[in-house]
N, C-alpha and C. Protein backbone atom coordinates (compact mmCIF):
# COMPACT_ATOMS: atom_id res chain seq x y z
N MET A 1 63.70 59.74 111.86
CA MET A 1 63.97 61.07 111.79
C MET A 1 64.63 61.41 110.55
N ASN A 2 64.35 62.57 110.01
CA ASN A 2 65.00 63.12 108.85
C ASN A 2 66.07 64.01 109.10
N GLU A 3 67.33 63.41 109.10
CA GLU A 3 68.53 64.23 109.48
C GLU A 3 68.95 65.12 108.36
N GLY A 4 68.39 65.12 107.22
CA GLY A 4 68.82 65.92 106.08
C GLY A 4 68.48 67.34 106.23
N LYS A 5 67.59 67.76 107.21
CA LYS A 5 67.22 69.10 107.40
C LYS A 5 67.90 69.76 108.60
N VAL A 6 68.86 69.18 109.20
CA VAL A 6 69.50 69.68 110.36
C VAL A 6 70.68 70.51 109.86
N ILE A 7 70.73 71.76 110.24
CA ILE A 7 71.80 72.65 109.84
C ILE A 7 72.60 73.03 111.10
N GLY A 8 73.97 72.86 110.89
CA GLY A 8 74.84 73.12 112.00
C GLY A 8 75.23 74.57 111.96
N PHE A 9 75.49 75.27 113.07
CA PHE A 9 75.93 76.62 113.08
C PHE A 9 77.36 76.63 113.25
N ARG A 10 77.98 77.67 112.79
CA ARG A 10 79.44 77.83 113.03
C ARG A 10 79.64 78.34 114.41
N SER A 11 80.74 77.86 114.91
CA SER A 11 81.15 78.26 116.23
C SER A 11 81.67 79.70 116.15
N PRO A 12 81.33 80.62 117.16
CA PRO A 12 81.85 81.91 117.09
C PRO A 12 83.51 81.96 117.15
N ALA A 13 84.02 80.86 117.80
CA ALA A 13 85.41 80.84 117.98
C ALA A 13 86.23 80.34 116.62
N ALA A 14 85.38 80.03 115.66
CA ALA A 14 85.95 79.47 114.38
C ALA A 14 86.76 80.59 113.64
N GLY A 15 86.59 81.83 114.03
CA GLY A 15 87.39 82.96 113.45
C GLY A 15 86.85 83.53 112.25
N ALA A 16 85.92 82.96 111.57
CA ALA A 16 85.21 83.56 110.37
C ALA A 16 84.20 84.59 110.81
N GLU A 17 84.31 85.82 110.40
CA GLU A 17 83.47 86.84 110.79
C GLU A 17 82.57 87.25 109.54
N ASP A 18 81.28 87.36 109.81
CA ASP A 18 80.52 87.76 108.76
C ASP A 18 80.53 89.29 108.65
N PRO A 19 80.21 89.81 107.45
CA PRO A 19 80.34 91.22 107.19
C PRO A 19 79.43 92.14 108.08
N LEU A 20 78.25 91.56 108.49
CA LEU A 20 77.41 92.38 109.36
C LEU A 20 78.02 92.62 110.73
N THR A 21 78.70 91.53 111.28
CA THR A 21 79.38 91.67 112.55
C THR A 21 80.47 92.64 112.47
N GLY A 22 81.21 92.61 111.44
CA GLY A 22 82.36 93.52 111.20
C GLY A 22 81.90 94.96 111.12
N LEU A 23 80.71 95.18 110.41
CA LEU A 23 80.32 96.57 110.28
C LEU A 23 79.72 97.02 111.68
N LEU A 24 79.02 96.20 112.42
CA LEU A 24 78.50 96.55 113.82
C LEU A 24 79.73 96.89 114.64
N ARG A 25 80.77 96.07 114.61
CA ARG A 25 81.97 96.32 115.48
C ARG A 25 82.58 97.66 115.13
N SER A 26 82.81 97.91 113.87
CA SER A 26 83.36 99.14 113.45
C SER A 26 82.49 100.29 113.78
N GLY A 27 81.16 100.23 113.60
CA GLY A 27 80.28 101.39 114.04
C GLY A 27 80.27 101.58 115.52
N ALA A 28 80.32 100.53 116.27
CA ALA A 28 80.32 100.64 117.82
C ALA A 28 81.74 101.39 118.15
N GLN A 29 82.87 101.04 117.56
CA GLN A 29 84.07 101.64 117.93
C GLN A 29 84.04 103.12 117.57
N GLN A 30 83.46 103.50 116.52
CA GLN A 30 83.33 104.92 116.08
C GLN A 30 82.44 105.62 117.01
N LEU A 31 81.29 104.97 117.35
CA LEU A 31 80.36 105.64 118.29
C LEU A 31 80.93 105.82 119.65
N LEU A 32 81.71 104.92 120.15
CA LEU A 32 82.38 105.03 121.42
C LEU A 32 83.43 106.16 121.40
N GLN A 33 84.18 106.22 120.34
CA GLN A 33 85.23 107.21 120.24
C GLN A 33 84.60 108.65 120.17
N GLN A 34 83.53 108.82 119.37
CA GLN A 34 82.81 110.09 119.28
C GLN A 34 82.31 110.52 120.74
N ALA A 35 81.72 109.51 121.39
CA ALA A 35 81.12 109.88 122.70
C ALA A 35 82.21 110.19 123.69
N VAL A 36 83.39 109.54 123.66
CA VAL A 36 84.53 109.87 124.57
C VAL A 36 85.10 111.34 124.25
N GLU A 37 85.21 111.54 122.91
CA GLU A 37 85.73 112.89 122.48
C GLU A 37 84.76 114.00 122.93
N ALA A 38 83.42 113.80 122.76
CA ALA A 38 82.42 114.83 123.21
C ALA A 38 82.48 114.99 124.66
N GLU A 39 82.54 113.92 125.41
CA GLU A 39 82.57 114.11 126.88
C GLU A 39 83.89 114.79 127.30
N LEU A 40 84.96 114.53 126.74
CA LEU A 40 86.25 115.17 126.97
C LEU A 40 86.22 116.70 126.66
N GLY A 41 85.56 116.89 125.52
CA GLY A 41 85.40 118.40 125.12
C GLY A 41 84.65 119.11 126.13
N GLU A 42 83.47 118.48 126.62
CA GLU A 42 82.63 119.21 127.68
C GLU A 42 83.42 119.41 128.92
N LEU A 43 84.21 118.31 129.29
CA LEU A 43 85.07 118.47 130.52
C LEU A 43 85.97 119.65 130.44
N LEU A 44 86.74 119.68 129.33
CA LEU A 44 87.78 120.73 129.12
C LEU A 44 87.04 122.14 128.97
N ALA A 45 85.94 122.20 128.42
CA ALA A 45 85.16 123.46 128.36
C ALA A 45 84.85 124.00 129.80
N GLY A 46 84.42 122.99 130.63
CA GLY A 46 83.94 123.32 131.99
C GLY A 46 85.10 123.86 132.82
N TYR A 47 86.35 123.49 132.57
CA TYR A 47 87.52 123.89 133.31
C TYR A 47 88.36 124.90 132.55
N ALA A 48 87.92 125.48 131.48
CA ALA A 48 88.71 126.41 130.57
C ALA A 48 89.17 127.60 131.37
N ASP A 49 88.44 128.01 132.46
CA ASP A 49 88.77 129.20 133.20
C ASP A 49 89.78 128.94 134.35
N ARG A 50 89.99 127.71 134.65
CA ARG A 50 90.95 127.33 135.74
C ARG A 50 92.43 127.53 135.26
N ARG A 51 93.13 128.26 136.20
CA ARG A 51 94.60 128.57 135.83
C ARG A 51 95.42 128.19 137.07
N ASP A 52 96.68 127.72 136.73
CA ASP A 52 97.59 127.46 137.85
C ASP A 52 98.36 128.80 138.20
N ALA A 53 99.31 128.70 139.15
CA ALA A 53 100.03 129.89 139.58
C ALA A 53 100.61 130.72 138.53
N PRO A 54 101.35 130.13 137.52
CA PRO A 54 101.96 130.92 136.51
C PRO A 54 100.93 131.46 135.36
N GLY A 55 99.64 131.03 135.57
CA GLY A 55 98.61 131.59 134.63
C GLY A 55 98.32 130.62 133.44
N ARG A 56 98.94 129.41 133.43
CA ARG A 56 98.60 128.40 132.42
C ARG A 56 97.26 127.70 132.69
N GLN A 57 96.70 127.19 131.65
CA GLN A 57 95.49 126.45 131.82
C GLN A 57 95.76 125.19 132.65
N ALA A 58 94.91 124.98 133.75
CA ALA A 58 95.12 123.93 134.80
C ALA A 58 94.75 122.58 134.20
N VAL A 59 93.62 122.51 133.35
CA VAL A 59 93.15 121.31 132.87
C VAL A 59 93.40 121.28 131.44
N VAL A 60 94.14 120.36 130.87
CA VAL A 60 94.42 120.30 129.46
C VAL A 60 94.48 118.90 128.94
N ARG A 61 94.41 118.71 127.63
CA ARG A 61 94.51 117.37 127.12
C ARG A 61 96.02 117.02 126.96
N ASN A 62 96.36 115.90 127.44
CA ASN A 62 97.82 115.54 127.40
C ASN A 62 98.11 114.45 126.36
N GLY A 63 97.40 114.22 125.43
CA GLY A 63 97.66 113.25 124.43
C GLY A 63 96.86 112.01 124.42
N HIS A 64 97.45 110.90 123.84
CA HIS A 64 96.64 109.68 123.83
C HIS A 64 97.44 108.54 124.33
N LEU A 65 96.76 107.55 124.81
CA LEU A 65 97.27 106.26 125.21
C LEU A 65 97.22 105.35 124.06
N PRO A 66 98.04 104.26 124.00
CA PRO A 66 97.89 103.30 122.97
C PRO A 66 96.54 102.71 122.89
N ALA A 67 96.05 102.24 121.64
CA ALA A 67 94.85 101.60 121.55
C ALA A 67 94.83 100.28 122.41
N ARG A 68 93.59 100.09 122.95
CA ARG A 68 93.29 98.92 123.85
C ARG A 68 92.12 98.17 123.31
N GLU A 69 92.15 96.88 123.60
CA GLU A 69 91.01 96.02 123.16
C GLU A 69 89.86 96.09 124.23
N ILE A 70 88.68 96.29 123.79
CA ILE A 70 87.58 96.36 124.63
C ILE A 70 86.75 95.16 124.48
N LEU A 71 86.44 94.41 125.56
CA LEU A 71 85.61 93.13 125.48
C LEU A 71 84.19 93.52 125.56
N THR A 72 83.37 92.96 124.63
CA THR A 72 81.91 93.05 124.65
C THR A 72 81.29 91.69 124.33
N ASN A 73 79.95 91.67 124.29
CA ASN A 73 79.28 90.38 123.99
C ASN A 73 79.21 90.22 122.39
N VAL A 74 79.55 91.25 121.61
CA VAL A 74 79.49 91.11 120.19
C VAL A 74 80.76 90.31 119.78
N ARG A 75 80.45 89.26 119.03
CA ARG A 75 81.55 88.40 118.51
C ARG A 75 81.75 88.64 117.06
């Protein structure tokens, strides 16, 4: 057997990330953020006419939670 042509692959756990994976991860994060913002905007628009007893808007945006890590199959 000619063992000179066998190429070993890096382990994903090795920590070295190629630029394409980083670009895909960044793009996926941006896409998810835009989708969530759009969905929230539609929800708030749908309840814009709802008011509580004192006349304030019943459904409002209350701020942001800290960033969380989302697990996917992309490494």
